[in-house]
Amino acid sequence: MSVANLEELLIEQTPLDDWESLLYLVCWLGTFGINSNNERPGNTKDPKILEWLTGDPMDIASMKRSAMHSVDLFDVTILQSFRHEQDKHGLLRGLAQALHRKLFMNSKLDSKCHGALKRNPGAGNASDDDADDADDDLDDVFTKLRPRKHNPKARAHTISQDSDTVMDPFSEHNNHVEVISMGLMGVLKRYAELALGCLNE
């Protein structure tokens, strides 16, 4: 479920809520596979994504915001739990990375739309270095699937609770639904082609 729905934000529901839910589904498949035959070994550490299943909706939304806020946090929290045997060609990992960047680090949008955490105007945004390059050639996708070197100091930005002008990237996203959706459709189309190519090898 999208963050906006979990928090019952007073913003219009848009296709971006569905795209966000698709990203979470891809993350689940990359972590656990598609059926009970793909269960994780019993000696592996429980992945963070399990924390999204039960509990208070606001707590779940907070964990999702933190995990989605930057490329580093997404990698540390979610992508590092992907299992190679579930994703031998790296397509699920690559798809998750691309969807995340288009949703939360879209280079076509102002940096105030980047990230997922609420913040005070003028406070630091998610790193502009994380923004996706709209001119990237997806034919080079396989060269980009190596695990990202993450910043161990990556952490959520804090906001002043006294501020009446807290900015929420999810509200900002709703002003750019068409632009973001077009980029996401391009990602999905390209990865469908890549997947077909792997099946035909």
Protein backbone atom coordinates (compact mmCIF):
# COMPACT_ATOMS: atom_id res chain seq x y z
CA MET A 1 0.00 0.00 0.00
CA SER A 2 1.26 3.46 -0.83
CA VAL A 3 2.44 5.88 1.85
CA ALA A 4 -0.35 8.33 1.06
CA ASN A 5 -2.99 5.65 1.62
CA LEU A 6 -1.34 4.38 4.81
CA GLU A 7 -1.21 7.89 6.24
CA GLU A 8 -4.60 8.85 4.76
CA LEU A 9 -3.05 12.02 3.39
CA LEU A 10 -5.49 14.65 2.23
CA ILE A 11 -4.26 14.50 -1.35
CA GLU A 12 -5.86 13.07 -4.46
CA GLN A 13 -5.26 9.40 -5.15
CA THR A 14 -3.45 9.06 -8.48
CA PRO A 15 -1.77 6.37 -10.61
CA LEU A 16 1.42 7.11 -8.65
CA ASP A 17 -0.09 5.25 -5.69
CA ASP A 18 -0.38 2.18 -7.93
CA TRP A 19 3.15 2.62 -9.27
CA GLU A 20 4.46 2.87 -5.73
CA SER A 21 2.63 -0.34 -4.82
CA LEU A 22 4.16 -2.02 -7.88
CA LEU A 23 7.63 -1.05 -6.65
CA TYR A 24 6.90 -2.70 -3.30
CA LEU A 25 5.68 -5.83 -5.09
CA VAL A 26 8.88 -6.01 -7.16
CA CYS A 27 10.88 -5.65 -3.93
CA TRP A 28 8.92 -8.51 -2.38
CA LEU A 29 9.52 -10.78 -5.39
CA GLY A 30 13.23 -9.97 -5.38
CA THR A 31 13.42 -10.83 -1.69
CA PHE A 32 11.16 -13.87 -1.45
CA GLY A 33 10.39 -15.15 -4.96
CA ILE A 34 6.95 -16.01 -6.30
CA ASN A 35 5.86 -19.11 -4.36
CA SER A 36 6.53 -21.29 -1.32
CA ASN A 37 9.25 -23.19 -3.19
CA ASN A 38 11.34 -20.01 -3.06
CA GLU A 39 11.41 -19.66 0.73
CA ARG A 40 14.52 -18.07 2.18
CA PRO A 41 16.99 -20.32 4.06
CA GLY A 42 16.26 -20.48 7.77
CA ASN A 43 19.68 -19.11 8.72
CA THR A 44 19.29 -15.81 6.88
CA LYS A 45 18.54 -12.55 8.65
CA ASP A 46 14.92 -11.41 8.39
CA PRO A 47 14.73 -8.70 5.71
CA LYS A 48 13.51 -5.24 6.62
CA ILE A 49 10.61 -5.53 4.20
CA LEU A 50 8.88 -7.89 6.66
CA GLU A 51 8.40 -4.90 8.96
CA TRP A 52 5.93 -3.52 6.40
CA LEU A 53 3.46 -6.37 6.86
CA THR A 54 1.89 -5.74 10.25
CA GLY A 55 1.59 -2.99 12.80
CA ASP A 56 0.34 0.55 12.96
CA PRO A 57 -0.18 2.02 9.45
CA MET A 58 1.61 5.22 10.43
CA ASP A 59 4.64 3.25 11.63
CA ILE A 60 4.70 1.25 8.38
CA ALA A 61 4.43 4.47 6.37
CA SER A 62 7.32 5.96 8.34
CA MET A 63 9.51 2.94 7.61
CA LYS A 64 8.62 3.12 3.91
CA ARG A 65 9.42 6.83 3.78
CA SER A 66 12.84 6.20 5.31
CA ALA A 67 13.62 3.29 2.97
CA MET A 68 12.58 5.23 -0.14
CA HIS A 69 14.18 8.56 0.74
CA SER A 70 17.47 8.09 -1.10
CA VAL A 71 19.32 5.63 -3.31
CA ASP A 72 21.64 4.72 -0.43
CA LEU A 73 18.81 4.07 2.02
CA PHE A 74 16.86 2.05 -0.56
CA ASP A 75 19.94 -0.07 -1.21
CA VAL A 76 20.79 -0.65 2.45
CA THR A 77 17.22 -1.27 3.58
CA ILE A 78 15.76 -3.22 0.66
CA LEU A 79 18.04 -4.13 -2.24
CA GLN A 80 20.69 -5.82 -0.13
CA SER A 81 18.10 -8.44 0.83
CA PHE A 82 17.48 -9.43 -2.82
CA ARG A 83 18.53 -13.03 -3.48
CA HIS A 84 20.68 -13.79 -6.48
CA GLU A 85 19.04 -17.18 -7.01
CA GLN A 86 15.69 -15.42 -7.42
CA ASP A 87 17.09 -12.87 -9.84
CA LYS A 88 19.94 -14.45 -11.79
CA HIS A 89 19.84 -11.89 -14.57
CA GLY A 90 19.55 -8.95 -12.18
CA LEU A 91 16.33 -7.77 -13.79
CA LEU A 92 14.27 -7.47 -10.61
CA ARG A 93 17.02 -5.51 -8.92
CA GLY A 94 17.45 -3.28 -11.94
CA LEU A 95 13.69 -2.77 -12.28
CA ALA A 96 13.37 -1.88 -8.60
CA GLN A 97 16.24 0.62 -8.89
CA ALA A 98 14.77 2.23 -12.00
CA LEU A 99 11.23 2.47 -10.59
CA HIS A 100 12.57 3.93 -7.36
CA ARG A 101 14.58 6.58 -9.17
CA LYS A 102 11.67 7.62 -11.41
CA LEU A 103 9.30 7.82 -8.43
CA PHE A 104 11.54 9.45 -5.85
CA MET A 105 14.60 10.91 -7.59
CA ASN A 106 13.18 12.02 -10.95
CA SER A 107 15.65 14.34 -12.70
CA LYS A 108 12.83 16.01 -14.67
CA LEU A 109 11.44 17.45 -11.44
CA ASP A 110 12.66 20.08 -9.01
CA SER A 111 14.70 18.73 -6.12
CA LYS A 112 11.86 19.55 -3.71
CA CYS A 113 10.11 16.54 -5.25
CA HIS A 114 13.05 14.25 -4.50
CA GLY A 115 13.08 11.82 -1.61
CA ALA A 116 10.23 10.63 0.57
CA LEU A 117 10.63 12.33 3.97
CA LYS A 118 8.82 15.45 5.04
CA ARG A 119 11.14 18.39 5.62
CA ASN A 120 11.23 22.08 6.32
CA PRO A 121 11.59 24.38 3.29
CA GLY A 122 15.29 25.05 2.77
CA ALA A 123 16.36 21.90 4.58
CA GLY A 124 18.60 19.43 2.78
CA ASN A 125 16.95 17.32 0.13
CA ALA A 126 17.81 13.80 -0.83
CA SER A 127 21.12 14.00 -2.67
CA ASP A 128 20.87 15.44 -6.17
CA ASP A 129 23.60 12.95 -7.06
CA ASP A 130 20.92 10.28 -6.66
CA ALA A 131 18.63 11.79 -9.27
CA ASP A 132 18.04 9.58 -12.27
CA ASP A 133 19.57 10.69 -15.54
CA ALA A 134 16.74 11.11 -18.01
CA ASP A 135 19.18 10.63 -20.86
CA ASP A 136 20.53 7.31 -19.58
CA ASP A 137 20.53 4.62 -22.24
CA LEU A 138 18.75 1.62 -20.75
CA ASP A 139 20.70 -0.62 -23.11
CA ASP A 140 23.49 -0.16 -20.56
CA VAL A 141 21.30 -1.39 -17.75
CA PHE A 142 23.32 -4.52 -17.04
CA THR A 143 26.38 -2.42 -16.27
CA LYS A 144 24.37 -0.61 -13.58
CA LEU A 145 23.15 -3.62 -11.63
CA ARG A 146 26.21 -3.99 -9.42
CA PRO A 147 25.46 -3.34 -5.75
CA ARG A 148 25.85 0.34 -4.99
CA LYS A 149 28.52 1.38 -2.50
CA HIS A 150 26.38 2.90 0.19
CA ASN A 151 27.15 5.65 2.60
CA PRO A 152 27.14 4.11 6.11
CA LYS A 153 26.25 7.53 7.48
CA ALA A 154 23.08 7.77 5.38
CA ARG A 155 20.19 8.69 7.63
CA ALA A 156 16.79 10.30 7.56
CA HIS A 157 16.61 14.09 7.70
CA THR A 158 14.88 15.45 10.78
CA ILE A 159 12.25 18.15 10.66
CA SER A 160 11.12 20.71 13.18
CA GLN A 161 7.78 19.74 14.62
CA ASP A 162 7.09 23.42 15.32
CA SER A 163 7.02 24.34 11.64
CA ASP A 164 3.66 25.00 10.00
CA THR A 165 5.20 24.80 6.54
CA VAL A 166 6.54 21.27 6.36
CA MET A 167 7.00 20.14 2.76
CA ASP A 168 5.93 16.63 1.74
CA PRO A 169 7.39 15.13 -1.48
CA PHE A 170 4.28 12.99 -1.90
CA SER A 171 2.15 16.12 -2.21
CA GLU A 172 4.66 17.59 -4.66
CA HIS A 173 4.57 14.39 -6.76
CA ASN A 174 0.85 14.89 -7.35
CA ASN A 175 1.62 18.05 -9.31
CA HIS A 176 3.63 16.02 -11.83
CA VAL A 177 1.65 12.79 -12.24
CA GLU A 178 1.84 12.72 -16.05
CA VAL A 179 5.61 13.33 -16.25
CA ILE A 180 6.40 10.73 -13.61
CA SER A 181 3.98 8.17 -15.08
CA MET A 182 5.47 8.53 -18.57
CA GLY A 183 8.93 7.83 -17.20
CA LEU A 184 7.67 4.81 -15.29
CA MET A 185 5.94 3.42 -18.38
CA GLY A 186 9.21 3.75 -20.26
CA VAL A 187 11.02 1.81 -17.55
CA LEU A 188 8.42 -0.96 -17.55
CA LYS A 189 8.45 -1.27 -21.34
CA ARG A 190 12.23 -1.50 -21.49
CA TYR A 191 12.45 -4.12 -18.76
CA ALA A 192 9.74 -6.18 -20.46
CA GLU A 193 11.96 -6.20 -23.56
CA LEU A 194 14.99 -7.17 -21.50
CA ALA A 195 13.07 -9.99 -19.83
CA LEU A 196 11.92 -11.36 -23.20
CA GLY A 197 15.50 -11.23 -24.40
CA CYS A 198 16.63 -13.32 -21.42
CA LEU A 199 13.89 -15.87 -22.08
CA ASN A 200 15.00 -16.20 -25.69
CA GLU A 201 18.67 -16.75 -24.88
